[in-house]
Amino acid sequence: MLTRVEPRIRIEVVGCHPADGQPGRWQVAWLVHNDEPMALEIHNAWIPHGQFRGDGRLPLAIAMDGGGSARVELSVASAEAAGTVVHNAFLILQVSGGGRAWRVFARMRVEFDAQASPRPIVEVVTSQSIQ
């Protein structure tokens, strides 16, 4: 028997560019799609991987209507050589709605191009209830 995974969220990378004047720092943007009929709120985000790392757990207060989407943009430290592939990098979101709360995990592969610029690719999105 299959069990429905909640909440139904899709996440895609929509931008990755150098942070102004900061070698090895990148501004990465994700678009988070709420495929639930109920509104959801994103409370915090973090990127814990050592080779593709954010600035710790960052508080957010981003509301998403049912069927809506929201942009999440974070600063990331990453300075790998061209051709490097980083596996199992994560964007982790704490999300709530309808009296429930979850951690949402966007597992990524990060490929570094010929100029050693990262290209994060979301491979799978899963969630874990925290209530």
Foldseek 3Di string as FASTA:
>chain_A
DDDDAPDDKDKWWDDWDADPPDPQKIKTKMKIFGQAQAKKWWAWKFWPDPQWGFDPIGGDTDIAHHRGIDMDITMIGHQDAAADKDFFTWIWTWMDTPPWIKIKIFTWIWHQHNVRGTDTGGDDIHIDTPD
